[in-house]
Structures are given as structure tokens and as C-alpha cells.
Protein backbone atom coordinates (compact mmCIF):
# COMPACT_ATOMS: atom_id res chain seq x y z
CA MET A 1 0.01 0.30 0.06
CA LYS A 2 0.88 3.86 -0.69
CA LEU A 3 -0.16 6.55 0.69
CA PRO A 4 0.37 9.97 -0.99
CA THR A 5 2.71 12.51 0.77
CA ARG A 6 3.81 16.17 1.52
CA LYS A 7 6.62 18.43 1.86
CA ILE A 8 8.59 18.95 5.25
CA GLY A 9 11.72 21.15 3.61
CA SER A 10 13.52 18.23 0.78
CA LEU A 11 11.70 15.50 3.05
CA ASP A 12 8.51 13.75 1.26
CA VAL A 13 6.45 12.24 4.53
CA THR A 14 3.41 10.83 4.33
CA VAL A 15 0.37 11.82 5.15
CA VAL A 16 0.17 9.72 8.05
CA GLY A 17 3.28 9.18 10.59
CA LEU A 18 3.02 6.86 14.12
CA GLY A 19 4.08 8.89 17.20
CA CYS A 20 5.86 6.77 19.03
CA ASN A 21 5.74 8.34 22.46
CA ASN A 22 4.47 4.54 23.99
CA PHE A 23 7.82 3.05 22.45
CA GLY A 24 9.62 1.83 26.16
CA GLY A 25 6.60 3.50 28.46
CA ARG A 26 3.15 2.01 27.46
CA ILE A 27 4.66 -1.67 25.37
CA ASP A 28 7.61 -2.93 25.26
CA GLU A 29 10.06 -3.92 22.50
CA LYS A 30 8.59 -6.88 21.05
CA ARG A 31 5.36 -4.97 20.90
CA SER A 32 7.36 -2.06 19.52
CA ARG A 33 9.06 -4.33 16.78
CA GLU A 34 4.96 -5.44 15.21
CA VAL A 35 3.81 -1.89 15.70
CA VAL A 36 6.57 -0.37 13.18
CA ALA A 37 6.19 -3.89 10.70
CA ALA A 38 2.77 -3.14 10.51
CA CYS A 39 3.46 0.53 9.58
CA LEU A 40 5.31 -0.27 6.86
CA ASP A 41 3.09 -3.26 6.07
CA ALA A 42 0.38 -0.40 5.57
CA GLY A 43 2.52 2.25 3.51
CA ILE A 44 3.71 4.68 6.92
CA THR A 45 6.92 5.38 6.57
CA PHE A 46 7.15 9.04 8.83
CA PHE A 47 8.70 7.51 12.67
CA ASP A 48 8.55 10.40 15.84
CA THR A 49 9.80 10.52 18.67
CA ALA A 50 11.42 12.10 20.95
CA ASP A 51 15.53 11.53 23.56
CA VAL A 52 12.87 11.41 26.62
CA TYR A 53 10.49 8.32 24.96
CA GLY A 54 10.28 6.05 27.02
CA GLY A 55 13.21 6.86 29.34
CA THR A 56 15.78 7.00 26.39
CA ARG A 57 14.00 3.20 24.94
CA SER A 58 11.97 4.24 22.30
CA GLU A 59 15.12 5.65 20.47
CA GLU A 60 16.71 2.29 20.41
CA PHE A 61 13.53 0.00 20.41
CA LEU A 62 12.65 2.18 17.67
CA GLY A 63 15.86 2.16 16.32
CA ARG A 64 16.00 -1.32 16.17
CA ALA A 65 12.67 -2.14 15.06
CA LEU A 66 13.57 -0.02 11.88
CA GLY A 67 16.55 -2.73 11.08
CA LYS A 68 17.94 -2.59 7.88
CA ARG A 69 14.67 -1.01 6.94
CA ARG A 70 16.07 2.51 8.05
CA ASP A 71 15.93 3.95 3.70
CA GLU A 72 12.61 3.19 3.70
CA ALA A 73 11.66 5.41 6.53
CA VAL A 74 11.44 9.63 7.53
CA VAL A 75 12.32 9.57 10.99
CA THR A 76 11.98 12.72 12.93
CA THR A 77 13.51 12.82 16.75
CA LYS A 78 14.08 15.43 19.26
CA PHE A 79 15.77 17.14 21.67
CA GLY A 80 14.84 19.61 24.57
CA MET A 81 13.67 18.98 27.13
CA GLN A 82 14.64 17.68 30.39
CA VAL A 83 16.05 13.78 30.01
CA ASP A 84 17.81 13.32 33.58
CA PRO A 85 19.42 16.60 35.69
CA ASP A 86 22.69 17.83 33.60
CA HIS A 87 20.81 16.59 30.40
CA ARG A 88 18.25 19.62 28.39
CA GLY A 89 18.80 23.13 26.50
CA ALA A 90 19.21 24.17 23.17
CA LYS A 91 22.85 24.98 23.86
CA PRO A 92 25.23 24.76 21.00
CA ASP A 93 27.09 22.42 22.76
CA TYR A 94 24.36 20.59 24.11
CA VAL A 95 22.95 20.35 20.86
CA ARG A 96 26.34 18.38 19.17
CA ALA A 97 25.55 16.06 22.35
CA ALA A 98 21.93 15.09 22.41
CA LEU A 99 22.08 14.50 18.26
CA GLU A 100 25.20 11.70 19.01
CA ALA A 101 23.64 10.05 21.74
CA SER A 102 20.05 10.26 20.13
CA LEU A 103 22.58 8.76 17.04
CA ARG A 104 23.71 5.82 18.46
CA ARG A 105 20.18 5.22 20.01
CA LEU A 106 18.80 4.67 17.06
CA GLY A 107 21.68 3.13 15.67
CA THR A 108 22.09 5.15 12.94
CA ASP A 109 24.04 7.88 10.84
CA HIS A 110 21.79 10.61 10.06
CA VAL A 111 18.55 12.03 11.40
CA ASP A 112 15.10 13.14 8.79
CA LEU A 113 14.41 15.71 10.79
CA TYR A 114 15.90 17.04 13.98
CA LEU A 115 13.32 19.43 16.15
CA LEU A 116 13.67 21.25 19.44
CA HIS A 117 11.50 20.09 21.34
CA SER A 118 10.65 23.62 23.51
CA PRO A 119 11.78 26.79 23.67
CA ASP A 120 14.91 27.26 26.11
CA PRO A 121 14.61 30.68 27.47
CA GLU A 122 18.18 30.68 28.70
CA THR A 123 19.73 29.82 25.07
CA PRO A 124 19.58 32.39 22.20
CA ILE A 125 17.72 30.94 19.21
CA ALA A 126 20.39 32.12 16.66
CA ASP A 127 22.73 29.90 18.39
CA THR A 128 20.78 26.93 18.44
CA LEU A 129 20.32 27.48 15.07
CA ALA A 130 23.65 28.12 14.42
CA ALA A 131 24.41 24.44 15.58
CA LEU A 132 21.61 22.38 14.11
CA ASP A 133 23.08 24.44 10.76
CA GLY A 134 26.97 22.66 11.62
CA GLU A 135 24.90 19.59 12.05
CA VAL A 136 22.84 20.08 8.52
CA ARG A 137 26.62 20.87 7.20
CA ALA A 138 28.19 17.57 8.64
CA GLY A 139 25.08 15.41 7.00
CA LYS A 140 24.49 14.17 10.32
CA VAL A 141 21.06 16.47 10.56
CA ARG A 142 18.38 16.41 6.73
CA GLU A 143 16.22 18.45 8.22
CA ILE A 144 15.09 20.74 11.70
CA GLY A 145 12.35 21.82 13.59
CA CYS A 146 10.79 22.36 16.84
CA SER A 147 7.78 21.56 18.26
CA ASN A 148 5.69 23.90 20.92
CA PHE A 149 6.61 27.93 19.55
CA SER A 150 4.28 30.18 19.43
CA ALA A 151 3.56 32.74 16.39
CA GLN A 152 5.78 35.27 17.71
CA GLN A 153 8.94 32.40 18.34
CA LEU A 154 7.67 31.01 15.40
CA ARG A 155 8.30 34.76 13.63
CA LEU A 156 12.30 34.93 15.35
CA ALA A 157 13.25 32.22 14.86
CA TYR A 158 12.23 32.70 10.87
CA GLU A 159 13.77 36.42 11.61
CA ALA A 160 17.32 34.94 13.39
CA ALA A 161 18.64 32.16 10.82
CA ALA A 162 21.49 33.48 9.29
CA GLN A 163 21.38 33.85 5.50
CA GLY A 164 22.16 29.69 3.33
CA ALA A 165 21.40 28.85 6.56
CA ALA A 166 19.23 25.90 7.68
CA ARG A 167 16.40 27.14 9.28
CA PHE A 168 12.99 25.57 10.87
CA VAL A 169 10.91 24.20 8.40
CA CYS A 170 8.23 22.67 10.34
CA VAL A 171 6.67 22.95 14.15
CA GLN A 172 5.07 20.17 15.92
CA ASN A 173 2.54 21.07 18.30
CA GLU A 174 -0.94 20.07 19.30
CA TYR A 175 -3.43 20.77 17.13
CA SER A 176 -7.40 18.41 17.12
CA ILE A 177 -10.85 18.97 16.66
CA LEU A 178 -11.03 19.85 20.41
CA HIS A 179 -8.18 21.91 20.64
CA ARG A 180 -8.36 23.65 17.78
CA SER A 181 -5.96 27.19 19.16
CA PRO A 182 -3.11 27.00 16.37
CA GLU A 183 -6.02 28.61 14.18
CA MET A 184 -5.02 31.49 16.79
CA ASP A 185 -2.16 32.72 14.96
CA VAL A 186 0.77 29.68 14.14
CA LEU A 187 -0.86 28.01 10.97
CA ASP A 188 -0.85 31.57 10.11
CA GLU A 189 2.70 32.00 10.67
CA CYS A 190 3.27 28.47 8.76
CA VAL A 191 1.66 29.53 5.81
CA ALA A 192 3.43 33.22 5.94
CA THR A 193 7.07 31.28 6.55
CA ASP A 194 6.28 28.43 4.17
CA THR A 195 6.32 26.43 7.57
CA ALA A 196 5.20 22.23 7.73
CA PHE A 197 2.61 21.82 10.57
CA VAL A 198 3.02 18.60 12.47
CA PRO A 199 -0.05 17.92 14.54
CA TYR A 200 0.22 16.02 18.07
CA TYR A 201 -2.18 14.92 20.00
CA PRO A 202 -4.24 14.56 17.08
CA LEU A 203 -6.78 12.36 18.47
CA ALA A 204 -6.73 14.31 21.55
CA ARG A 205 -4.60 11.94 23.89
CA GLY A 206 -7.72 9.26 22.87
CA LEU A 207 -10.67 11.07 23.83
CA LEU A 208 -11.17 11.14 19.80
CA THR A 209 -11.16 7.35 19.35
CA GLY A 210 -13.90 7.12 21.13
CA LYS A 211 -13.31 4.80 24.07
CA TYR A 212 -14.18 7.49 26.92
CA ARG A 213 -17.57 8.05 27.97
CA ARG A 214 -19.85 9.88 30.11
CA GLY A 215 -20.74 8.53 33.40
CA HIS A 216 -17.89 5.75 33.50
CA PRO A 217 -13.93 5.64 34.30
CA PRO A 218 -11.65 5.76 32.00
CA PRO A 219 -11.66 1.94 30.50
CA PRO A 220 -8.39 0.32 31.72
CA GLY A 221 -5.18 0.07 29.51
CA THR A 222 -5.71 2.94 28.03
CA ARG A 223 -4.19 6.41 27.58
CA LEU A 224 -5.85 8.15 30.06
CA ALA A 225 -6.76 5.49 32.97
CA GLY A 226 -2.85 6.29 33.95
CA VAL A 227 -3.41 9.87 34.90
CA GLY A 228 -5.16 11.01 37.88
CA ALA A 229 -8.42 11.50 38.85
CA GLU A 230 -8.33 15.49 38.31
CA GLN A 231 -6.31 15.61 35.29
CA TYR A 232 -9.12 13.09 34.70
CA GLU A 233 -12.10 14.92 34.77
CA ARG A 234 -10.76 18.10 33.40
CA LEU A 235 -9.66 16.55 29.28
CA ALA A 236 -12.45 13.75 29.86
CA SER A 237 -15.37 16.86 30.71
CA GLU A 238 -18.38 15.99 30.45
CA HIS A 239 -17.67 19.19 27.15
CA ASN A 240 -15.53 17.18 25.30
CA LEU A 241 -17.70 13.61 25.55
CA LYS A 242 -20.86 15.38 24.31
CA ALA A 243 -18.70 16.50 21.99
CA VAL A 244 -16.92 13.35 20.68
CA GLU A 245 -20.52 12.10 21.00
CA GLN A 246 -21.61 13.58 18.29
CA LEU A 247 -18.54 13.63 15.74
CA THR A 248 -19.06 10.13 16.37
CA ASP A 249 -22.78 10.59 14.85
CA ILE A 250 -20.54 12.53 11.96
CA ALA A 251 -17.94 9.21 11.27
CA ASN A 252 -21.01 7.23 11.28
CA GLU A 253 -23.02 8.72 8.36
CA HIS A 254 -20.23 7.88 6.54
CA GLY A 255 -19.31 4.35 8.41
CA TRP A 256 -15.78 5.35 9.91
CA LEU A 257 -14.56 5.86 13.51
CA VAL A 258 -14.58 8.85 15.13
CA GLY A 259 -10.26 8.43 15.75
CA GLN A 260 -10.15 8.23 11.21
CA LEU A 261 -12.70 11.62 11.15
CA ALA A 262 -10.45 13.56 13.36
CA MET A 263 -7.17 12.44 11.53
CA ALA A 264 -8.38 13.11 8.00
CA TRP A 265 -9.92 16.51 9.27
CA LEU A 266 -6.88 17.67 10.36
CA LEU A 267 -5.55 16.75 6.79
CA THR A 268 -8.19 19.13 5.22
CA ARG A 269 -5.77 21.77 7.00
CA PRO A 270 -3.57 22.97 3.68
CA MET A 271 -0.04 23.84 6.56
CA VAL A 272 -0.36 19.91 7.85
CA ALA A 273 2.69 17.63 6.25
CA SER A 274 1.67 14.46 8.84
CA VAL A 275 -0.76 13.27 10.96
CA ILE A 276 1.25 11.48 14.36
CA ALA A 277 -0.99 9.75 15.80
CA GLY A 278 0.81 7.25 18.95
CA ALA A 279 -0.18 2.91 18.48
CA THR A 280 0.69 0.52 21.43
CA SER A 281 -1.00 -2.50 18.32
CA PRO A 282 -0.74 -2.95 14.69
CA ASP A 283 -4.04 -3.78 15.15
CA GLN A 284 -5.15 0.06 15.23
CA ILE A 285 -2.56 0.60 12.44
CA PRO A 286 -5.02 -0.36 9.72
CA ALA A 287 -7.88 2.36 10.47
CA ASN A 288 -5.00 5.23 10.91
CA ALA A 289 -3.91 4.88 7.25
CA SER A 290 -7.06 4.71 6.17
CA ALA A 291 -7.83 7.44 7.53
CA ALA A 292 -5.97 9.69 3.73
CA ALA A 293 -7.81 8.81 2.04
CA LEU A 294 -11.17 9.71 3.12
CA ASP A 295 -12.65 12.49 1.58
CA VAL A 296 -14.48 14.82 4.32
CA LEU A 297 -17.05 16.84 2.84
CA PRO A 298 -17.53 20.96 2.62
CA ARG A 299 -20.94 19.80 5.43
CA ASP A 300 -18.78 18.18 7.30
CA LEU A 301 -16.91 20.13 8.20
CA ASP A 302 -19.54 22.88 8.60
CA ALA A 303 -21.29 19.63 10.70
CA ILE A 304 -17.88 20.18 12.55
CA ASP A 305 -17.84 23.48 13.39
CA ALA A 306 -20.88 23.72 14.89
CA VAL A 307 -19.95 21.15 17.26
CA VAL A 308 -16.79 23.14 18.04
CA PRO A 309 -16.25 26.23 16.74
CA PRO A 310 -12.96 27.20 15.65
CA ALA A 311 -10.59 28.90 18.27
CA SER A 312 -10.71 32.63 16.16
CA VAL A 313 -14.43 32.74 16.85
CA ARG A 314 -14.61 31.44 20.13
CA VAL A 315 -15.82 33.84 22.80
């Protein structure tokens, strides 16, 4: 099966990717291998991990799972969040050290897309960009990007990149039908700077899978079963779960799962390059992959807006 691709800088990425944040945490290495194999079989070749996922195990699991098929994949990893008290941030020396550590764990000689996982207020962005440009010139990184950046931070990074040097070609922020804040300004900044957008939590931490029901505790083994009661009540609020029920009705009109609708809706956004959904079982992969072929109609978009209004029109 071959999935459509979109551009992130010079990279061609499948419009559906795999978020590997479950590797080394919610699932072990054997299951991680099965999930990666299912992705490759389904035509998903875009894999997203980070040095902090699974306590660094996610990179190790992904690298070993890809093995000899590494060249079939576009691999993203990230740095900057705290791995331990001595390993965090975006200072130039740490950029180089973090990349070398990720390359070792991934078992590869290059990362296709390397992201600053969160802004570092202690380091001028120009310094970080210069260090990343050096790694691009050394052939250890193909493209660079960022995550959890505001529109203003994106603009500052765009202006700070030296003439002819590597610049951020994508931003990865939270975005889903239930979390539409990027529509306020970040997506517009992406258009202005020709920056691809990659949404994380596209299924709203699992709410948009339809597994959670009003008046019921989270099912055992689900993502939200592992959070505290207060956080669960905030995420799985009456308002959110009612919205999921209404979105499920829209999906059912087409014979789709609500999660497929959520992913296909994101792909109607021109700046969205790929939707990286996590998975804990290979059985979830075919449904994710098939979301790439769904045709979300204008009436569906209007119906979704009626359930969860665009961020720009909310009071």
C-alpha cells in the first residue's frame, strides 16, 4: 500500500505517521516492533520519536525495529526537554551531544528531521540554529524544526536564521478537533514562513477514539487510565465527551470511526504535512492509514465547526 506524501522542507513524508511516544512506556520492545512492522506494511513510513520518550528507550526500540529497513523511513527525533538534570536545553554544545546520543540509540548515521522539543529561554535561538546548521552541513541531519513554539517564537526563529543556513521547516504543536488554538495565529505564521505543521495529540490524548464514555471511568489500559482523577475529569469533561458523541455521529454517517474523521479533518488543513497518531497495537494501524483516503466534505466541516467552533470565532 502506498500513502500520499506531503513536503516538510526537502523531505517527502506520508500524510499519516506514527508517534512513538508509547515505545518503552506503555508498550515493550516486542510490541513496538510489531507496530513498526504494521506501519511499514500499511505504507506508513514517517516515524516520530524523541530522546525523552520511554526514558530514551523509544529511540532504541524504533532503531532496532527499523533495522535494515531504515532507508525506507523518514525518522524524526527531538532534543531539549530534560532527559535528566544534566541533559536538557538548546545550548550549542548540548545540541551536538544530544544528537550524537540519539544517533547511537537509533543506530543510524543521520536523522531526517531533528526538532527542538521546546523553547529554551536561556539560549538565544540564533545560537541553537547555528549549531543545528552545523549538523546539517555535516550530513547528520537533513532538516530541522521545532515543537511547542508560539507564533511569535516561530517568527523570531525565522528572522534569526542566517542567510543560506538551515532554518526550521516545520513546527509540531498540539492540534485536534478538540484543541484548535493553532488556528488563532500559528497556522497563519506557518503560511507566512512556508513552515509545515505537524499536529501532535491528533486524537486528543485518546478522547477522539470513542473509548471514553460520559459517567464511566476510563477503560483499563487506555492512556487516560494512567492519569490522576483530577486530570481525567478535566480532559474527559462532560463538554468534551458530549462533543465526541456528536463527532461520532458525523463519522458514522460515512461508516468511519471517529478517530479516522479526526485525522482526515486535520489533513484538510493545507499546512498540515502529516498526522502522527500513536499506537499500542498493530491492529490500530490499518484504520489510521486508511484515514489518508477519506474525503471530508464541506458539509462535514460545517458540522464539525458546529460541534467545536474554530478557535478564531470563540467567545
